[in-house]
C-alpha atoms as a PDB file:
ATOM      1  CA  UNK A   1      -0.195  -0.332  -0.310  1.00  0.00           C
ATOM      2  CA  UNK A   2       0.933   3.369  -0.591  1.00  0.00           C
ATOM      3  CA  UNK A   3       2.709   5.770   2.415  1.00  0.00           C
ATOM      4  CA  UNK A   4       0.039   8.530   1.937  1.00  0.00           C
ATOM      5  CA  UNK A   5       1.905  10.565   4.689  1.00  0.00           C
ATOM      6  CA  UNK A   6       4.583  11.463   2.360  1.00  0.00           C
ATOM      7  CA  UNK A   7       2.359  13.271  -0.827  1.00  0.00           C
ATOM      8  CA  UNK A   8      -0.358  15.704  -0.696  1.00  0.00           C
ATOM      9  CA  UNK A   9      -1.878  14.786  -4.054  1.00  0.00           C
ATOM     10  CA  UNK A  10      -3.799  17.986  -5.613  1.00  0.00           C
ATOM     11  CA  UNK A  11      -7.346  17.696  -4.059  1.00  0.00           C
ATOM     12  CA  UNK A  12      -9.957  16.693  -7.097  1.00  0.00           C
ATOM     13  CA  UNK A  13     -13.696  16.333  -4.189  1.00  0.00           C
ATOM     14  CA  UNK A  14     -14.467  19.655  -2.607  1.00  0.00           C
ATOM     15  CA  UNK A  15     -17.845  19.237  -0.530  1.00  0.00           C
ATOM     16  CA  UNK A  16     -19.974  20.576  -3.641  1.00  0.00           C
ATOM     17  CA  UNK A  17     -18.945  17.280  -5.592  1.00  0.00           C
ATOM     18  CA  UNK A  18     -20.115  14.633  -3.899  1.00  0.00           C
ATOM     19  CA  UNK A  19     -23.402  14.320  -5.056  1.00  0.00           C
ATOM     20  CA  UNK A  20     -26.322  12.517  -3.178  1.00  0.00           C
ATOM     21  CA  UNK A  21     -26.922   9.341  -5.467  1.00  0.00           C
ATOM     22  CA  UNK A  22     -23.189   9.190  -6.554  1.00  0.00           C
ATOM     23  CA  UNK A  23     -21.228   5.924  -5.937  1.00  0.00           C
ATOM     24  CA  UNK A  24     -17.351   5.388  -5.731  1.00  0.00           C
ATOM     25  CA  UNK A  25     -15.569   2.455  -6.481  1.00  0.00           C
ATOM     26  CA  UNK A  26     -12.951   1.766  -3.458  1.00  0.00           C
ATOM     27  CA  UNK A  27      -9.897  -0.668  -4.816  1.00  0.00           C
ATOM     28  CA  UNK A  28      -9.542  -4.341  -3.470  1.00  0.00           C
ATOM     29  CA  UNK A  29      -7.387  -5.798  -0.515  1.00  0.00           C
ATOM     30  CA  UNK A  30      -6.801  -9.459   0.229  1.00  0.00           C
ATOM     31  CA  UNK A  31      -5.722 -10.333   3.761  1.00  0.00           C
ATOM     32  CA  UNK A  32      -3.174 -13.039   4.080  1.00  0.00           C
ATOM     33  CA  UNK A  33      -3.606 -15.051   7.389  1.00  0.00           C
ATOM     34  CA  UNK A  34      -0.524 -13.603   9.270  1.00  0.00           C
ATOM     35  CA  UNK A  35      -2.304 -10.315   8.746  1.00  0.00           C
ATOM     36  CA  UNK A  36      -5.273 -11.559  10.059  1.00  0.00           C
ATOM     37  CA  UNK A  37      -3.442 -12.758  13.080  1.00  0.00           C
ATOM     38  CA  UNK A  38      -1.083  -9.789  13.154  1.00  0.00           C
ATOM     39  CA  UNK A  39      -4.214  -8.020  13.662  1.00  0.00           C
ATOM     40  CA  UNK A  40      -5.488  -9.960  16.100  1.00  0.00           C
ATOM     41  CA  UNK A  41      -2.535 -10.215  18.298  1.00  0.00           C
ATOM     42  CA  UNK A  42      -2.665  -6.638  18.554  1.00  0.00           C
ATOM     43  CA  UNK A  43      -6.512  -5.349  18.583  1.00  0.00           C
ATOM     44  CA  UNK A  44      -8.537  -8.369  18.572  1.00  0.00           C
ATOM     45  CA  UNK A  45      -7.287 -11.463  20.825  1.00  0.00           C
ATOM     46  CA  UNK A  46     -10.569 -13.753  20.634  1.00  0.00           C
ATOM     47  CA  UNK A  47      -9.804 -17.740  19.619  1.00  0.00           C
ATOM     48  CA  UNK A  48     -11.512 -17.308  16.252  1.00  0.00           C
ATOM     49  CA  UNK A  49      -9.165 -14.971  14.998  1.00  0.00           C
ATOM     50  CA  UNK A  50      -6.033 -16.408  15.887  1.00  0.00           C
ATOM     51  CA  UNK A  51      -6.101 -19.989  16.798  1.00  0.00           C
ATOM     52  CA  UNK A  52      -6.949 -22.284  13.297  1.00  0.00           C
ATOM     53  CA  UNK A  53      -8.367 -25.352  15.724  1.00  0.00           C
ATOM     54  CA  UNK A  54     -10.932 -22.921  18.072  1.00  0.00           C
ATOM     55  CA  UNK A  55     -11.416 -21.206  14.989  1.00  0.00           C
ATOM     56  CA  UNK A  56     -12.603 -24.574  12.779  1.00  0.00           C
ATOM     57  CA  UNK A  57     -14.893 -25.383  16.596  1.00  0.00           C
ATOM     58  CA  UNK A  58     -16.568 -21.362  15.985  1.00  0.00           C
ATOM     59  CA  UNK A  59     -19.434 -20.679  14.266  1.00  0.00           C
ATOM     60  CA  UNK A  60     -17.051 -19.262  11.918  1.00  0.00           C
ATOM     61  CA  UNK A  61     -15.776 -22.781  10.786  1.00  0.00           C
ATOM     62  CA  UNK A  62     -12.372 -21.535  10.296  1.00  0.00           C
ATOM     63  CA  UNK A  63      -9.846 -18.743  10.825  1.00  0.00           C
ATOM     64  CA  UNK A  64     -11.383 -15.600  10.124  1.00  0.00           C
ATOM     65  CA  UNK A  65     -10.590 -11.802  10.430  1.00  0.00           C
ATOM     66  CA  UNK A  66     -11.719  -9.602  13.870  1.00  0.00           C
ATOM     67  CA  UNK A  67     -14.310  -7.172  12.065  1.00  0.00           C
ATOM     68  CA  UNK A  68     -12.964  -3.996  13.313  1.00  0.00           C
ATOM     69  CA  UNK A  69      -9.673  -5.621  10.687  1.00  0.00           C
ATOM     70  CA  UNK A  70     -12.344  -5.522   8.394  1.00  0.00           C
ATOM     71  CA  UNK A  71     -12.544  -2.008   9.448  1.00  0.00           C
ATOM     72  CA  UNK A  72      -9.287  -0.586   9.320  1.00  0.00           C
ATOM     73  CA  UNK A  73      -9.353  -2.300   5.864  1.00  0.00           C
ATOM     74  CA  UNK A  74     -11.887   0.018   4.507  1.00  0.00           C
ATOM     75  CA  UNK A  75     -10.600   2.562   6.013  1.00  0.00           C
ATOM     76  CA  UNK A  76      -7.499   1.788   4.542  1.00  0.00           C
ATOM     77  CA  UNK A  77      -8.939   1.538   0.925  1.00  0.00           C
ATOM     78  CA  UNK A  78     -11.053   4.442   1.837  1.00  0.00           C
ATOM     79  CA  UNK A  79      -7.827   7.114   2.299  1.00  0.00           C
ATOM     80  CA  UNK A  80      -6.251   5.547  -0.571  1.00  0.00           C
ATOM     81  CA  UNK A  81      -8.387   5.240  -3.235  1.00  0.00           C
ATOM     82  CA  UNK A  82     -10.152   8.688  -1.711  1.00  0.00           C
ATOM     83  CA  UNK A  83      -9.550  10.569   1.202  1.00  0.00           C
ATOM     84  CA  UNK A  84      -6.125  12.052   0.095  1.00  0.00           C
ATOM     85  CA  UNK A  85      -7.605  13.392  -2.857  1.00  0.00           C
ATOM     86  CA  UNK A  86     -10.643  14.976  -1.159  1.00  0.00           C
ATOM     87  CA  UNK A  87     -10.626  17.950   0.871  1.00  0.00           C
ATOM     88  CA  UNK A  88     -12.037  15.748   4.268  1.00  0.00           C
ATOM     89  CA  UNK A  89     -11.873  17.605   7.766  1.00  0.00           C
ATOM     90  CA  UNK A  90     -12.459  14.017   9.268  1.00  0.00           C
ATOM     91  CA  UNK A  91     -15.582  12.075  10.800  1.00  0.00           C
ATOM     92  CA  UNK A  92     -18.157  13.709  13.634  1.00  0.00           C
ATOM     93  CA  UNK A  93     -18.163   9.135  13.958  1.00  0.00           C
ATOM     94  CA  UNK A  94     -20.611   6.840  12.762  1.00  0.00           C
ATOM     95  CA  UNK A  95     -23.966   5.967  12.600  1.00  0.00           C
ATOM     96  CA  UNK A  96     -23.720   2.299  11.695  1.00  0.00           C
ATOM     97  CA  UNK A  97     -21.361  -0.536  11.458  1.00  0.00           C
ATOM     98  CA  UNK A  98     -22.591  -4.487  10.716  1.00  0.00           C
ATOM     99  CA  UNK A  99     -20.345  -7.084   9.801  1.00  0.00           C
ATOM    100  CA  UNK A 100     -22.319  -9.095   7.529  1.00  0.00           C
ATOM    101  CA  UNK A 101     -19.919 -12.535   6.990  1.00  0.00           C
ATOM    102  CA  UNK A 102     -16.988 -13.482   7.957  1.00  0.00           C
ATOM    103  CA  UNK A 103     -13.881 -12.461   6.016  1.00  0.00           C
ATOM    104  CA  UNK A 104     -11.538 -15.111   6.020  1.00  0.00           C
ATOM    105  CA  UNK A 105      -7.425 -15.212   4.312  1.00  0.00           C
ATOM    106  CA  UNK A 106      -7.418 -14.725   0.953  1.00  0.00           C
ATOM    107  CA  UNK A 107     -11.000 -13.848   0.779  1.00  0.00           C
ATOM    108  CA  UNK A 108     -10.496 -10.533  -2.219  1.00  0.00           C
ATOM    109  CA  UNK A 109     -12.529  -7.347  -0.679  1.00  0.00           C
ATOM    110  CA  UNK A 110     -13.761  -4.394  -2.791  1.00  0.00           C
ATOM    111  CA  UNK A 111     -14.667  -1.388  -1.416  1.00  0.00           C
ATOM    112  CA  UNK A 112     -17.441   1.223  -2.356  1.00  0.00           C
ATOM    113  CA  UNK A 113     -19.028   4.500  -0.599  1.00  0.00           C
ATOM    114  CA  UNK A 114     -21.956   5.420  -1.842  1.00  0.00           C
ATOM    115  CA  UNK A 115     -23.053   9.547  -1.275  1.00  0.00           C
ATOM    116  CA  UNK A 116     -26.506   9.199   0.457  1.00  0.00           C
ATOM    117  CA  UNK A 117     -27.257  13.207   1.791  1.00  0.00           C
ATOM    118  CA  UNK A 118     -25.342  15.889   2.066  1.00  0.00           C
ATOM    119  CA  UNK A 119     -25.852  19.846   3.901  1.00  0.00           C
ATOM    120  CA  UNK A 120     -24.302  23.077   4.646  1.00  0.00           C
ATOM    121  CA  UNK A 121     -21.609  22.921   8.604  1.00  0.00           C
ATOM    122  CA  UNK A 122     -24.286  25.648   9.539  1.00  0.00           C
ATOM    123  CA  UNK A 123     -21.278  26.644  12.762  1.00  0.00           C
ATOM    124  CA  UNK A 124     -18.698  26.545  10.005  1.00  0.00           C
ATOM    125  CA  UNK A 125     -19.900  27.885   6.534  1.00  0.00           C
ATOM    126  CA  UNK A 126     -15.868  26.627   5.176  1.00  0.00           C
ATOM    127  CA  UNK A 127     -17.551  23.538   5.948  1.00  0.00           C
ATOM    128  CA  UNK A 128     -19.820  20.914   4.369  1.00  0.00           C
ATOM    129  CA  UNK A 129     -21.260  17.533   5.967  1.00  0.00           C
ATOM    130  CA  UNK A 130     -21.642  14.014   3.522  1.00  0.00           C
ATOM    131  CA  UNK A 131     -23.616  10.942   4.659  1.00  0.00           C
ATOM    132  CA  UNK A 132     -21.966   8.172   2.756  1.00  0.00           C
ATOM    133  CA  UNK A 133     -22.597   4.427   3.752  1.00  0.00           C
ATOM    134  CA  UNK A 134     -19.960   2.434   2.764  1.00  0.00           C
ATOM    135  CA  UNK A 135     -20.139  -0.941   1.412  1.00  0.00           C
ATOM    136  CA  UNK A 136     -17.413  -4.010   1.473  1.00  0.00           C
ATOM    137  CA  UNK A 137     -17.414  -7.025  -0.838  1.00  0.00           C
ATOM    138  CA  UNK A 138     -15.695 -10.072  -0.982  1.00  0.00           C
ATOM    139  CA  UNK A 139     -14.858 -11.961  -4.543  1.00  0.00           C
ATOM    140  CA  UNK A 140     -18.759 -14.131  -4.801  1.00  0.00           C
ATOM    141  CA  UNK A 141     -20.226 -10.440  -4.223  1.00  0.00           C
ATOM    142  CA  UNK A 142     -21.500 -11.009  -0.513  1.00  0.00           C
ATOM    143  CA  UNK A 143     -21.796  -7.456   0.950  1.00  0.00           C
ATOM    144  CA  UNK A 144     -19.875  -8.260   4.497  1.00  0.00           C
ATOM    145  CA  UNK A 145     -18.725  -4.704   5.712  1.00  0.00           C
ATOM    146  CA  UNK A 146     -21.674  -2.007   5.588  1.00  0.00           C
ATOM    147  CA  UNK A 147     -21.069   1.430   7.800  1.00  0.00           C
ATOM    148  CA  UNK A 148     -22.925   4.788   7.205  1.00  0.00           C
ATOM    149  CA  UNK A 149     -22.074   7.615   8.692  1.00  0.00           C
ATOM    150  CA  UNK A 150     -21.413  12.134   8.003  1.00  0.00           C
ATOM    151  CA  UNK A 151     -17.672  13.202   6.512  1.00  0.00           C
ATOM    152  CA  UNK A 152     -16.535  16.730   6.751  1.00  0.00           C
ATOM    153  CA  UNK A 153     -15.251  18.576   3.323  1.00  0.00           C
ATOM    154  CA  UNK A 154     -13.789  21.766   2.658  1.00  0.00           C
ATOM    155  CA  UNK A 155     -15.599  24.084   0.315  1.00  0.00           C
ATOM    156  CA  UNK A 156     -14.632  25.284  -2.720  1.00  0.00           C
ATOM    157  CA  UNK A 157     -17.352  27.896  -2.672  1.00  0.00           C
ATOM    158  CA  UNK A 158     -17.605  28.990   1.229  1.00  0.00           C
ATOM    159  CA  UNK A 159     -21.599  29.794   2.128  1.00  0.00           C
ATOM    160  CA  UNK A 160     -22.747  32.247   4.578  1.00  0.00           C
ATOM    161  CA  UNK A 161     -25.468  31.446   6.939  1.00  0.00           C
ATOM    162  CA  UNK A 162     -28.538  33.351   5.605  1.00  0.00           C
ATOM    163  CA  UNK A 163     -27.226  31.689   1.916  1.00  0.00           C
ATOM    164  CA  UNK A 164     -26.964  28.094   3.977  1.00  0.00           C
ATOM    165  CA  UNK A 165     -30.645  28.362   5.463  1.00  0.00           C
ATOM    166  CA  UNK A 166     -32.564  28.764   2.230  1.00  0.00           C
ATOM    167  CA  UNK A 167     -34.791  26.209   2.020  1.00  0.00           C
ATOM    168  CA  UNK A 168     -33.419  24.060  -0.900  1.00  0.00           C
ATOM    169  CA  UNK A 169     -35.466  23.877  -4.220  1.00  0.00           C
ATOM    170  CA  UNK A 170     -36.922  20.366  -5.593  1.00  0.00           C
ATOM    171  CA  UNK A 171     -34.880  18.028  -7.397  1.00  0.00           C
END
């Protein structure tokens, strides 16, 4: 993966560019057995993430990645393929995380995010809020992760409190 700390690419996505209904493909990742074990040892040392025999006896039927590892892989894809090219100002938090299917070593995961809402920030006219759904699928097309929450993005053209308070026109 790319070291994003050493480069600052040109901004392609400001708040105004993130339209409701838009979907952005964010790449793929394939977790290895070693990566799953390393993450589990450090952050989620449950038996089905650490021990092959215990994992086979679990409801998962085999060694699987922590849900938090799946979220971390999604975050890395999000940064590498979108956020580093955006005017992102962080996030006030997530509203939903669902781990829908286990992730096994060798699964190829692809991530996409879909804009479902956006609005200007009332207290900071230079920032807009964007609500997105992150969806991660395995190589069989099965959804393994659903995350939903708000992100904050600088606006290309800051609004005024009066402009942003005006009712929206219907599409």
